[in-house]
Amino acid sequence: MHLKDIAKQNYDWVERMGWHNKTPLEALALVASEVGEAINECRNDEPTPEFGEELADIILRVVDLAQWQGIDIEQKVIDKMIKNENRGSRGRLK
């Protein structure tokens, strides 16, 4: 399954749940809350088994927001990877 398919499927589910009742800023704040939950799963030397699920929650919130805003997130990710590759290290150690 491609990222754009995941975005569409997740968006449709969120729509059926009636959860598209917020502003883009509020939706982005929910992404930040998921990041906070992922951070909580990394408080010890090793991440907990739930860490992966929290990372998935972050991705699902992001792809839902992108789909809602008409952004082809799969293409944006590809474009960004190419841009990063072309920029090189930009002063960062490799």
N, C-alpha and C. Protein backbone atom coordinates (compact mmCIF):
# COMPACT_ATOMS: atom_id res chain seq x y z
N MET A 1 0.85 -1.17 0.00
CA MET A 1 0.00 0.00 0.00
C MET A 1 0.90 1.24 0.00
N HIS A 2 0.58 2.19 -0.84
CA HIS A 2 1.32 3.44 -0.92
C HIS A 2 0.85 4.42 0.16
N LEU A 3 1.71 5.37 0.46
CA LEU A 3 1.37 6.37 1.47
C LEU A 3 0.10 7.13 1.11
N LYS A 4 -0.09 7.44 -0.16
CA LYS A 4 -1.31 8.16 -0.56
C LYS A 4 -2.56 7.32 -0.31
N ASP A 5 -2.43 6.00 -0.44
CA ASP A 5 -3.56 5.11 -0.15
C ASP A 5 -3.86 5.07 1.35
N ILE A 6 -2.80 5.03 2.15
CA ILE A 6 -2.96 5.07 3.60
C ILE A 6 -3.63 6.37 4.01
N ALA A 7 -3.17 7.48 3.42
CA ALA A 7 -3.75 8.79 3.74
C ALA A 7 -5.24 8.82 3.43
N LYS A 8 -5.62 8.32 2.27
CA LYS A 8 -7.03 8.34 1.86
C LYS A 8 -7.87 7.43 2.77
N GLN A 9 -7.38 6.22 3.02
CA GLN A 9 -8.12 5.28 3.86
C GLN A 9 -8.29 5.84 5.28
N ASN A 10 -7.24 6.39 5.84
CA ASN A 10 -7.32 6.95 7.19
C ASN A 10 -8.24 8.17 7.22
N TYR A 11 -8.12 9.04 6.21
CA TYR A 11 -8.99 10.22 6.14
C TYR A 11 -10.46 9.80 6.13
N ASP A 12 -10.78 8.81 5.30
CA ASP A 12 -12.17 8.35 5.21
C ASP A 12 -12.67 7.83 6.56
N TRP A 13 -11.82 7.10 7.27
CA TRP A 13 -12.20 6.58 8.59
C TRP A 13 -12.43 7.72 9.57
N VAL A 14 -11.51 8.70 9.61
CA VAL A 14 -11.66 9.84 10.51
C VAL A 14 -12.94 10.61 10.17
N GLU A 15 -13.23 10.72 8.89
CA GLU A 15 -14.47 11.39 8.46
C GLU A 15 -15.69 10.64 8.97
N ARG A 16 -15.69 9.31 8.83
CA ARG A 16 -16.82 8.51 9.32
C ARG A 16 -16.99 8.65 10.83
N MET A 17 -15.90 8.84 11.54
CA MET A 17 -15.96 9.01 12.99
C MET A 17 -16.45 10.41 13.38
N GLY A 18 -16.49 11.32 12.41
CA GLY A 18 -16.93 12.69 12.69
C GLY A 18 -15.88 13.55 13.37
N TRP A 19 -14.62 13.22 13.16
CA TRP A 19 -13.55 13.91 13.86
C TRP A 19 -12.89 15.02 13.05
N HIS A 20 -13.42 15.34 11.88
CA HIS A 20 -12.89 16.47 11.11
C HIS A 20 -13.63 17.75 11.51
N ASN A 21 -13.64 18.01 12.79
CA ASN A 21 -14.37 19.16 13.33
C ASN A 21 -13.42 20.12 14.03
N LYS A 22 -12.25 20.29 13.46
CA LYS A 22 -11.23 21.15 14.08
C LYS A 22 -10.56 21.98 13.02
N THR A 23 -9.77 22.94 13.46
CA THR A 23 -9.00 23.76 12.53
C THR A 23 -7.69 23.04 12.20
N PRO A 24 -7.03 23.45 11.12
CA PRO A 24 -5.71 22.86 10.85
C PRO A 24 -4.74 23.04 12.02
N LEU A 25 -4.80 24.17 12.70
CA LEU A 25 -3.92 24.39 13.85
C LEU A 25 -4.22 23.38 14.96
N GLU A 26 -5.50 23.15 15.22
CA GLU A 26 -5.86 22.16 16.24
C GLU A 26 -5.40 20.76 15.82
N ALA A 27 -5.53 20.45 14.53
CA ALA A 27 -5.08 19.15 14.04
C ALA A 27 -3.56 19.01 14.21
N LEU A 28 -2.84 20.08 13.96
CA LEU A 28 -1.38 20.06 14.14
C LEU A 28 -1.02 19.92 15.61
N ALA A 29 -1.80 20.53 16.49
CA ALA A 29 -1.57 20.37 17.93
C ALA A 29 -1.75 18.91 18.34
N LEU A 30 -2.68 18.21 17.69
CA LEU A 30 -2.85 16.78 17.98
C LEU A 30 -1.64 15.98 17.52
N VAL A 31 -1.00 16.40 16.43
CA VAL A 31 0.26 15.76 16.02
C VAL A 31 1.29 15.94 17.13
N ALA A 32 1.39 17.16 17.64
CA ALA A 32 2.34 17.44 18.72
C ALA A 32 2.04 16.60 19.96
N SER A 33 0.76 16.39 20.25
CA SER A 33 0.42 15.57 21.42
C SER A 33 0.86 14.12 21.21
N GLU A 34 0.77 13.65 19.97
CA GLU A 34 1.24 12.29 19.67
C GLU A 34 2.76 12.21 19.81
N VAL A 35 3.46 13.27 19.42
CA VAL A 35 4.92 13.31 19.61
C VAL A 35 5.23 13.22 21.11
N GLY A 36 4.47 13.93 21.92
CA GLY A 36 4.65 13.86 23.36
C GLY A 36 4.45 12.46 23.90
N GLU A 37 3.45 11.77 23.38
CA GLU A 37 3.22 10.39 23.81
C GLU A 37 4.38 9.49 23.40
N ALA A 38 4.93 9.72 22.21
CA ALA A 38 6.10 8.94 21.77
C ALA A 38 7.30 9.23 22.67
N ILE A 39 7.47 10.48 23.05
CA ILE A 39 8.56 10.85 23.95
C ILE A 39 8.43 10.09 25.27
N ASN A 40 7.21 9.99 25.77
CA ASN A 40 6.99 9.26 27.03
C ASN A 40 7.40 7.79 26.94
N GLU A 41 7.35 7.24 25.74
CA GLU A 41 7.75 5.85 25.55
C GLU A 41 9.26 5.68 25.41
N CYS A 42 9.99 6.78 25.48
CA CYS A 42 11.46 6.76 25.34
C CYS A 42 12.15 7.30 26.58
N ARG A 43 11.50 7.32 27.68
CA ARG A 43 12.07 7.92 28.90
C ARG A 43 13.18 7.09 29.52
N ASN A 44 13.26 5.83 29.21
CA ASN A 44 14.29 4.96 29.77
C ASN A 44 15.39 4.75 28.73
N ASP A 45 16.31 3.85 29.02
CA ASP A 45 17.42 3.59 28.10
C ASP A 45 16.96 3.09 26.74
N GLU A 46 15.90 2.32 26.72
CA GLU A 46 15.36 1.76 25.48
C GLU A 46 13.89 2.16 25.36
N PRO A 47 13.43 2.42 24.13
CA PRO A 47 11.99 2.69 23.95
C PRO A 47 11.16 1.48 24.37
N THR A 48 9.95 1.75 24.81
CA THR A 48 9.03 0.68 25.20
C THR A 48 8.47 -0.01 23.94
N PRO A 49 7.83 -1.14 24.10
CA PRO A 49 7.18 -1.79 22.95
C PRO A 49 6.09 -0.92 22.31
N GLU A 50 5.52 0.02 23.07
CA GLU A 50 4.46 0.89 22.55
C GLU A 50 5.00 2.04 21.69
N PHE A 51 6.31 2.22 21.67
CA PHE A 51 6.92 3.32 20.92
C PHE A 51 6.51 3.30 19.44
N GLY A 52 6.55 2.13 18.83
CA GLY A 52 6.19 2.02 17.41
C GLY A 52 4.76 2.43 17.14
N GLU A 53 3.86 2.09 18.05
CA GLU A 53 2.46 2.48 17.89
C GLU A 53 2.30 4.00 17.97
N GLU A 54 3.07 4.62 18.85
CA GLU A 54 3.01 6.09 18.95
C GLU A 54 3.55 6.74 17.69
N LEU A 55 4.62 6.17 17.11
CA LEU A 55 5.12 6.69 15.84
C LEU A 55 4.06 6.55 14.75
N ALA A 56 3.34 5.43 14.75
CA ALA A 56 2.26 5.24 13.78
C ALA A 56 1.17 6.28 13.98
N ASP A 57 0.84 6.60 15.23
CA ASP A 57 -0.16 7.64 15.50
C ASP A 57 0.27 8.99 14.93
N ILE A 58 1.55 9.31 15.06
CA ILE A 58 2.06 10.57 14.50
C ILE A 58 1.84 10.59 12.99
N ILE A 59 2.23 9.51 12.34
CA ILE A 59 2.10 9.44 10.88
C ILE A 59 0.63 9.54 10.47
N LEU A 60 -0.24 8.83 11.16
CA LEU A 60 -1.66 8.87 10.80
C LEU A 60 -2.25 10.27 10.98
N ARG A 61 -1.87 10.96 12.04
CA ARG A 61 -2.36 12.33 12.22
C ARG A 61 -1.84 13.23 11.09
N VAL A 62 -0.58 13.07 10.72
CA VAL A 62 0.01 13.91 9.67
C VAL A 62 -0.65 13.62 8.31
N VAL A 63 -0.80 12.34 7.96
CA VAL A 63 -1.39 12.05 6.65
C VAL A 63 -2.86 12.46 6.60
N ASP A 64 -3.56 12.39 7.73
CA ASP A 64 -4.95 12.86 7.75
C ASP A 64 -5.01 14.36 7.48
N LEU A 65 -4.15 15.10 8.15
CA LEU A 65 -4.11 16.56 7.95
C LEU A 65 -3.76 16.90 6.51
N ALA A 66 -2.79 16.20 5.96
CA ALA A 66 -2.39 16.45 4.57
C ALA A 66 -3.55 16.15 3.61
N GLN A 67 -4.20 15.02 3.79
CA GLN A 67 -5.32 14.64 2.93
C GLN A 67 -6.43 15.68 3.01
N TRP A 68 -6.74 16.11 4.22
CA TRP A 68 -7.77 17.12 4.46
C TRP A 68 -7.45 18.42 3.75
N GLN A 69 -6.17 18.77 3.72
CA GLN A 69 -5.74 20.03 3.10
C GLN A 69 -5.41 19.89 1.62
N GLY A 70 -5.67 18.72 1.05
CA GLY A 70 -5.46 18.50 -0.37
C GLY A 70 -3.99 18.38 -0.76
N ILE A 71 -3.17 17.95 0.17
CA ILE A 71 -1.74 17.80 -0.07
C ILE A 71 -1.45 16.34 -0.40
N ASP A 72 -0.76 16.10 -1.51
CA ASP A 72 -0.33 14.75 -1.87
C ASP A 72 0.92 14.47 -1.04
N ILE A 73 0.73 13.92 0.15
CA ILE A 73 1.83 13.76 1.10
C ILE A 73 2.87 12.79 0.58
N GLU A 74 2.46 11.78 -0.17
CA GLU A 74 3.45 10.85 -0.72
C GLU A 74 4.41 11.60 -1.65
N GLN A 75 3.87 12.42 -2.54
CA GLN A 75 4.73 13.17 -3.45
C GLN A 75 5.58 14.19 -2.71
N LYS A 76 5.01 14.82 -1.70
CA LYS A 76 5.77 15.80 -0.90
C LYS A 76 6.95 15.13 -0.19
N VAL A 77 6.73 13.92 0.32
CA VAL A 77 7.82 13.18 0.98
C VAL A 77 8.90 12.83 -0.03
N ILE A 78 8.50 12.36 -1.19
CA ILE A 78 9.48 12.04 -2.25
C ILE A 78 10.25 13.29 -2.65
N ASP A 79 9.53 14.39 -2.89
CA ASP A 79 10.19 15.64 -3.27
C ASP A 79 11.18 16.11 -2.21
N LYS A 80 10.79 15.98 -0.94
CA LYS A 80 11.66 16.42 0.16
C LYS A 80 12.90 15.54 0.26
N MET A 81 12.74 14.25 0.05
CA MET A 81 13.90 13.36 0.08
C MET A 81 14.89 13.72 -1.03
N ILE A 82 14.38 14.03 -2.21
CA ILE A 82 15.24 14.44 -3.32
C ILE A 82 15.93 15.76 -2.99
N LYS A 83 15.18 16.70 -2.45
CA LYS A 83 15.75 18.00 -2.06
C LYS A 83 16.85 17.82 -1.02
N ASN A 84 16.60 16.97 -0.02
CA ASN A 84 17.61 16.71 1.01
C ASN A 84 18.85 16.10 0.40
N GLU A 85 18.66 15.15 -0.51
CA GLU A 85 19.80 14.49 -1.15
C GLU A 85 20.62 15.50 -1.95
N ASN A 86 19.94 16.38 -2.64
CA ASN A 86 20.65 17.38 -3.45
C ASN A 86 21.37 18.42 -2.62
N ARG A 87 20.87 18.70 -1.43
CA ARG A 87 21.53 19.66 -0.54
C ARG A 87 22.79 19.11 0.07
N GLY A 88 22.87 17.82 0.19
CA GLY A 88 24.04 17.22 0.80
C GLY A 88 24.06 17.46 2.29
N SER A 89 25.24 17.50 2.86
CA SER A 89 25.37 17.59 4.32
C SER A 89 25.15 19.01 4.85
N ARG A 90 25.32 20.02 4.00
CA ARG A 90 25.17 21.43 4.41
C ARG A 90 25.82 21.72 5.74
N GLY A 91 27.07 21.30 5.87
CA GLY A 91 27.82 21.59 7.07
C GLY A 91 27.69 20.57 8.17
N ARG A 92 26.82 19.61 8.00
CA ARG A 92 26.66 18.56 9.01
C ARG A 92 27.64 17.44 8.71
N LEU A 93 28.12 16.84 9.76
CA LEU A 93 29.02 15.70 9.59
C LEU A 93 28.23 14.52 9.05
N LYS A 94 28.84 13.80 8.17
CA LYS A 94 28.17 12.62 7.60
C LYS A 94 28.40 11.42 8.43
